[in-house]
N, C-alpha and C. Protein backbone atom coordinates (compact mmCIF):
# COMPACT_ATOMS: atom_id res chain seq x y z
N MET A 1 -1.39 -3.88 19.64
CA MET A 1 -2.11 -2.62 19.09
C MET A 1 -2.00 -2.35 17.84
N LYS A 2 -2.87 -2.05 17.05
CA LYS A 2 -3.33 -2.34 15.88
C LYS A 2 -2.35 -1.96 14.42
N LEU A 3 -1.90 -0.94 14.96
CA LEU A 3 -1.26 -0.26 14.29
C LEU A 3 0.33 -1.21 14.08
N ALA A 4 0.69 -1.63 15.14
CA ALA A 4 2.29 -2.90 15.35
C ALA A 4 1.73 -3.66 14.04
N GLY A 5 -0.11 -4.71 14.24
CA GLY A 5 -0.07 -5.36 13.30
C GLY A 5 -0.28 -4.99 12.26
N LEU A 6 -0.46 -3.65 11.70
CA LEU A 6 -0.36 -3.32 10.52
C LEU A 6 0.97 -3.57 9.85
N THR A 7 1.57 -2.93 10.55
CA THR A 7 3.37 -2.45 10.27
C THR A 7 3.68 -4.12 9.95
N TYR A 8 3.79 -5.09 10.85
CA TYR A 8 3.64 -6.51 10.87
C TYR A 8 3.57 -7.06 9.49
N HIS A 9 2.34 -6.60 9.06
CA HIS A 9 1.69 -7.53 7.77
C HIS A 9 2.23 -6.89 6.63
N VAL A 10 2.53 -5.82 6.82
CA VAL A 10 2.99 -4.83 5.47
C VAL A 10 4.42 -4.94 4.99
N ALA A 11 5.37 -5.32 6.44
CA ALA A 11 6.54 -5.71 6.24
C ALA A 11 6.74 -7.36 5.75
N ASP A 12 5.86 -8.02 6.24
CA ASP A 12 5.91 -9.67 5.85
C ASP A 12 5.49 -9.73 4.34
N VAL A 13 4.49 -9.04 3.92
CA VAL A 13 4.77 -8.85 1.98
C VAL A 13 5.46 -8.22 1.64
N LEU A 14 5.70 -7.09 2.12
CA LEU A 14 7.35 -6.68 1.41
C LEU A 14 8.45 -7.11 1.61
N SER A 15 8.72 -8.43 2.28
CA SER A 15 9.96 -8.85 2.15
C SER A 15 10.25 -9.76 0.76
N THR A 16 9.74 -9.44 -0.56
CA THR A 16 10.16 -9.44 -1.56
C THR A 16 10.83 -8.33 -2.28
N PRO A 17 11.98 -8.44 -3.13
CA PRO A 17 12.93 -7.29 -3.81
C PRO A 17 11.68 -6.09 -3.97
N GLY A 18 12.06 -4.88 -3.95
CA GLY A 18 11.13 -3.66 -4.74
C GLY A 18 11.90 -2.67 -4.62
N CYS A 19 11.21 -1.54 -4.91
CA CYS A 19 11.74 -0.30 -4.89
C CYS A 19 11.72 0.23 -3.40
N GLY A 20 9.94 0.25 -2.67
CA GLY A 20 9.95 1.01 -1.76
C GLY A 20 8.49 0.88 -1.16
N TYR A 21 8.21 1.37 -0.04
CA TYR A 21 7.00 1.78 -0.05
C TYR A 21 6.64 2.79 0.89
N THR A 22 5.60 3.71 0.96
CA THR A 22 5.26 4.44 1.91
C THR A 22 3.77 4.00 3.11
N LEU A 23 3.99 4.51 3.83
CA LEU A 23 2.95 4.12 4.81
C LEU A 23 2.88 5.42 5.84
N ASP A 24 0.99 6.01 5.59
CA ASP A 24 0.99 7.16 6.10
C ASP A 24 -0.20 6.80 7.20
N VAL A 25 -0.29 7.12 8.48
CA VAL A 25 -0.78 7.06 8.90
C VAL A 25 -1.20 8.81 9.76
N HIS A 26 -2.69 8.83 10.06
CA HIS A 26 -3.27 10.02 10.37
C HIS A 26 -4.06 9.48 11.44
N ARG A 27 -4.25 10.40 12.75
CA ARG A 27 -5.01 9.67 14.17
C ARG A 27 -6.44 9.98 14.04
N GLY A 28 -6.94 10.64 12.86
CA GLY A 28 -8.29 10.40 12.40
C GLY A 28 -9.12 10.97 13.66
N ASP A 29 -10.57 10.03 13.48
CA ASP A 29 -11.51 10.65 14.71
C ASP A 29 -12.00 9.28 15.45
N ALA A 30 -13.48 9.50 15.73
CA ALA A 30 -14.19 8.60 16.29
C ALA A 30 -14.20 6.79 15.80
N ASP A 31 -13.98 7.30 14.19
CA ASP A 31 -14.29 6.13 13.14
C ASP A 31 -12.98 5.36 13.11
N GLY A 32 -11.35 6.05 13.19
CA GLY A 32 -10.59 5.39 13.62
C GLY A 32 -9.34 5.97 12.50
N ALA A 33 -8.37 5.71 12.84
CA ALA A 33 -7.00 6.19 12.18
C ALA A 33 -7.25 6.20 10.59
N ILE A 34 -6.99 7.04 10.10
CA ILE A 34 -6.78 7.12 8.52
C ILE A 34 -5.07 6.29 8.08
N VAL A 35 -5.46 5.62 7.05
CA VAL A 35 -4.21 4.91 6.43
C VAL A 35 -4.28 5.05 5.11
N GLN A 36 -3.18 5.41 4.79
CA GLN A 36 -2.58 5.79 3.34
C GLN A 36 -1.35 4.81 2.58
N TRP A 37 -1.56 4.18 1.82
CA TRP A 37 -0.26 3.20 1.42
C TRP A 37 0.27 3.24 0.18
N LEU A 38 1.72 3.11 -0.08
CA LEU A 38 1.72 3.04 -1.74
C LEU A 38 3.08 1.95 -1.96
N TRP A 39 3.08 1.01 -2.95
CA TRP A 39 4.32 0.04 -2.90
C TRP A 39 4.42 -0.02 -4.52
N GLY A 40 5.96 -0.21 -4.76
CA GLY A 40 6.45 -0.56 -6.08
C GLY A 40 7.61 -1.09 -6.25
N GLU A 41 7.50 -1.95 -7.37
CA GLU A 41 8.74 -2.98 -7.53
C GLU A 41 9.06 -3.06 -9.07
N PRO A 42 10.16 -3.13 -9.62
CA PRO A 42 10.56 -3.54 -11.15
C PRO A 42 9.54 -4.32 -11.51
N LEU A 43 8.89 -4.02 -12.73
CA LEU A 43 8.39 -5.17 -13.13
C LEU A 43 9.39 -5.79 -14.63
N ASP A 44 9.69 -6.83 -14.34
CA ASP A 44 11.02 -7.47 -14.85
C ASP A 44 10.77 -9.28 -15.34
N GLY A 45 9.40 -9.70 -15.15
CA GLY A 45 9.26 -10.90 -15.13
C GLY A 45 7.72 -11.23 -15.45
N ASP A 46 7.07 -12.14 -14.96
CA ASP A 46 5.22 -12.22 -15.18
C ASP A 46 4.91 -11.15 -14.70
N GLU A 47 3.77 -10.74 -15.62
CA GLU A 47 3.04 -9.61 -15.19
C GLU A 47 1.92 -10.31 -14.50
N THR A 48 1.74 -11.35 -14.45
CA THR A 48 0.57 -11.60 -13.66
C THR A 48 0.65 -12.07 -12.39
N LYS A 49 2.27 -12.48 -12.09
CA LYS A 49 2.57 -13.09 -10.85
C LYS A 49 2.76 -11.70 -10.03
N ALA A 50 3.23 -10.55 -10.62
CA ALA A 50 3.71 -9.58 -10.06
C ALA A 50 2.38 -8.67 -9.89
N ILE A 51 1.33 -8.48 -10.40
CA ILE A 51 -0.25 -8.41 -9.87
C ILE A 51 -0.44 -9.08 -8.80
N ASP A 52 -0.50 -10.37 -8.78
CA ASP A 52 -0.56 -11.09 -7.46
C ASP A 52 -0.06 -10.76 -5.97
N ARG A 53 1.18 -10.63 -6.71
CA ARG A 53 2.22 -9.86 -5.33
C ARG A 53 1.54 -8.44 -4.91
N GLY A 54 0.82 -7.72 -5.69
CA GLY A 54 0.37 -6.41 -5.63
C GLY A 54 -1.12 -6.88 -4.49
N ARG A 55 -2.00 -7.73 -5.34
CA ARG A 55 -2.85 -8.04 -4.34
C ARG A 55 -2.75 -8.72 -2.85
N ALA A 56 -1.71 -9.53 -2.88
CA ALA A 56 -1.07 -10.09 -1.82
C ALA A 56 -1.24 -9.16 -0.80
N LEU A 57 -0.66 -7.60 -0.91
CA LEU A 57 -0.22 -6.56 -0.34
C LEU A 57 -1.60 -5.81 0.38
N PHE A 58 -2.61 -5.84 -0.55
CA PHE A 58 -3.69 -5.28 -0.44
C PHE A 58 -4.39 -6.05 0.87
N GLU A 59 -4.26 -7.42 0.52
CA GLU A 59 -5.19 -8.36 1.52
C GLU A 59 -4.33 -8.37 2.68
N ALA A 60 -3.29 -7.91 2.93
CA ALA A 60 -2.39 -8.37 4.11
C ALA A 60 -2.81 -6.76 5.00
N VAL A 61 -2.86 -5.97 4.14
CA VAL A 61 -3.32 -4.68 4.98
C VAL A 61 -4.56 -4.56 5.52
N LYS A 62 -5.57 -5.45 4.94
CA LYS A 62 -6.93 -5.64 5.31
C LYS A 62 -7.12 -6.52 5.95
N ALA A 63 -5.99 -7.78 6.11
CA ALA A 63 -5.79 -8.33 7.07
C ALA A 63 -5.14 -7.86 8.50
N ALA A 64 -4.91 -7.01 8.61
CA ALA A 64 -4.16 -5.87 9.57
C ALA A 64 -5.35 -5.12 10.38
N GLY A 65 -6.64 -5.02 9.66
CA GLY A 65 -7.44 -4.66 10.59
C GLY A 65 -8.09 -2.85 9.62
N VAL A 66 -7.23 -2.90 8.31
CA VAL A 66 -7.67 -1.69 7.67
C VAL A 66 -8.93 -2.04 6.80
N SER A 67 -10.21 -0.92 7.22
CA SER A 67 -11.16 -1.13 6.01
C SER A 67 -10.86 -0.24 4.83
N PRO A 68 -10.76 -0.82 3.95
CA PRO A 68 -10.83 0.04 2.73
C PRO A 68 -11.75 1.05 2.44
N GLY A 69 -11.13 2.30 1.90
CA GLY A 69 -12.28 3.13 1.11
C GLY A 69 -12.62 4.50 2.01
N ASP A 70 -13.43 4.82 2.19
CA ASP A 70 -14.01 6.01 2.47
C ASP A 70 -13.50 6.63 3.77
N THR A 71 -12.41 7.71 3.68
CA THR A 71 -11.65 8.35 4.55
C THR A 71 -12.26 9.98 5.13
N ALA A 72 -13.45 10.12 4.46
CA ALA A 72 -14.19 11.39 5.08
C ALA A 72 -14.44 11.58 6.48
N PRO A 73 -14.57 12.80 7.05
CA PRO A 73 -14.04 13.94 6.50
C PRO A 73 -12.27 14.43 6.16
N TYR A 74 -11.86 13.49 6.24
CA TYR A 74 -10.20 13.57 5.53
C TYR A 74 -9.64 13.27 4.24
N ASP A 75 -8.77 13.73 3.88
CA ASP A 75 -8.25 13.91 2.65
C ASP A 75 -7.55 12.42 2.55
N ALA A 76 -7.63 11.86 1.48
CA ALA A 76 -6.63 10.47 1.16
C ALA A 76 -6.74 10.54 0.01
N HIS A 77 -5.36 10.62 -0.89
CA HIS A 77 -5.15 10.95 -2.47
C HIS A 77 -5.04 9.51 -2.84
N LEU A 78 -4.39 8.26 -2.27
CA LEU A 78 -4.39 7.15 -2.79
C LEU A 78 -5.85 6.22 -3.38
N THR A 79 -5.57 5.60 -4.15
CA THR A 79 -6.91 4.72 -4.45
C THR A 79 -6.69 3.63 -4.19
N ASP A 80 -7.56 2.55 -3.97
CA ASP A 80 -7.13 1.13 -3.46
C ASP A 80 -7.36 0.75 -5.19
N ALA A 81 -5.86 0.36 -5.79
CA ALA A 81 -5.21 -0.19 -6.86
C ALA A 81 -4.32 -0.86 -6.68
N VAL A 82 -4.07 -1.87 -7.98
CA VAL A 82 -2.74 -2.57 -8.31
C VAL A 82 -2.81 -2.02 -9.91
N ILE A 83 -1.93 -1.63 -10.39
CA ILE A 83 -1.83 -0.94 -11.53
C ILE A 83 0.07 -1.06 -12.23
N VAL A 84 0.02 -1.33 -13.19
CA VAL A 84 1.21 -1.39 -13.74
C VAL A 84 2.08 0.47 -14.43
N MET A 85 2.97 0.60 -14.06
CA MET A 85 2.93 1.96 -14.45
C MET A 85 4.10 2.12 -15.54
N ASP A 86 4.53 3.33 -16.26
CA ASP A 86 5.81 3.18 -16.93
C ASP A 86 6.73 3.52 -16.65
N GLU A 87 7.00 3.89 -14.84
CA GLU A 87 8.26 4.02 -14.41
C GLU A 87 7.88 4.32 -13.00
N CYS A 88 9.21 4.03 -12.43
CA CYS A 88 9.11 4.04 -11.00
C CYS A 88 8.14 4.95 -10.08
N PRO A 89 7.33 4.78 -8.95
CA PRO A 89 6.69 6.14 -8.45
C PRO A 89 7.60 6.72 -7.28
N PHE A 90 8.67 6.27 -6.93
CA PHE A 90 9.46 6.85 -5.73
C PHE A 90 10.83 7.66 -6.43
N GLN A 91 11.47 6.76 -7.26
CA GLN A 91 12.61 7.46 -7.38
C GLN A 91 12.94 7.18 -9.33
N PRO A 92 12.08 7.87 -10.32
CA PRO A 92 11.94 7.06 -11.77
C PRO A 92 13.70 7.88 -12.14
N ALA A 93 13.99 8.51 -11.92
CA ALA A 93 15.40 8.91 -12.23
C ALA A 93 16.39 7.90 -11.75
N VAL A 94 16.32 7.24 -10.86
CA VAL A 94 17.40 5.99 -10.51
C VAL A 94 17.08 4.92 -10.79
N CYS A 95 15.85 4.44 -10.84
CA CYS A 95 14.99 2.79 -11.06
C CYS A 95 14.41 3.04 -12.36
N SER A 96 14.62 2.98 -13.14
CA SER A 96 13.92 3.19 -14.53
C SER A 96 13.28 1.72 -14.86
N GLY A 97 12.26 2.12 -15.91
CA GLY A 97 11.63 1.01 -16.31
C GLY A 97 10.22 0.86 -15.55
N ARG A 98 9.51 -0.27 -16.05
CA ARG A 98 7.96 -0.14 -15.51
C ARG A 98 8.17 -0.85 -14.34
N HIS A 99 7.09 -0.50 -13.72
CA HIS A 99 6.96 -0.79 -12.36
C HIS A 99 5.21 -1.34 -12.05
N LEU A 100 5.24 -2.38 -11.07
CA LEU A 100 3.87 -2.63 -10.38
C LEU A 100 3.95 -1.60 -9.53
N VAL A 101 2.48 -0.94 -8.85
CA VAL A 101 2.31 -0.21 -8.14
C VAL A 101 1.06 -0.66 -7.15
N ALA A 102 0.85 -0.69 -6.04
CA ALA A 102 0.05 -1.15 -5.22
C ALA A 102 -0.31 0.26 -4.55
N SER A 103 -1.57 0.38 -4.30
CA SER A 103 -1.88 1.48 -3.45
C SER A 103 -3.39 1.15 -2.47
N GLY A 104 -3.34 1.74 -1.57
CA GLY A 104 -4.93 2.12 -0.93
C GLY A 104 -4.83 2.57 0.44
N ARG A 105 -6.24 2.73 0.63
CA ARG A 105 -6.34 3.88 1.80
C ARG A 105 -7.65 3.25 2.50
N GLY A 106 -7.50 3.67 3.73
CA GLY A 106 -8.98 3.37 4.97
C GLY A 106 -8.62 3.68 6.31
N ARG A 107 -9.56 3.00 6.82
CA ARG A 107 -9.45 3.28 8.36
C ARG A 107 -8.76 2.04 9.17
N ILE A 108 -8.48 2.22 10.10
CA ILE A 108 -8.12 0.94 11.24
C ILE A 108 -8.13 1.97 12.81
N GLY A 109 -8.88 0.96 13.26
CA GLY A 109 -9.50 1.01 14.83
C GLY A 109 -10.12 2.19 15.07
N HIS A 110 -9.78 2.48 16.35
CA HIS A 110 -10.17 3.50 16.94
C HIS A 110 -9.45 4.34 17.52
N PRO A 111 -8.83 5.49 17.71
CA PRO A 111 -7.87 6.11 18.37
C PRO A 111 -7.61 5.95 19.77
C-alpha cells in the first residue's frame, strides 16, 4: 500500500530529534489522494545542516510516491518549503526558540 510506504519513509527521516510532525491525507479523486505534511525541530546548531535535514524529508516524501504541488480542486494550505521560523509551529509556548520547519503538499497514488 502506497500510504504505508509514505509513513515508513517519513518516520525514517523523522528519527532525528524534533518537535513533531503532522501528516494529513484525504482520499482525493481519480488523480490520487491529497497529502499535506508539516515538520519542525529546534534550531540549535548549524543552520545549513538543519536545512539539509528538512530537504531530506521533502525528498523522502517524494521517494514514497508523492507528486509535489497541485492538489486542485482540493484545498491544501501548506506549501513546499524549508524555512527557519522564529518559533515552534506546534507548541510555541512550550518549545521556545528558532525552528527549522519543512512542509509540502501533493498527491499520492490512486484511491
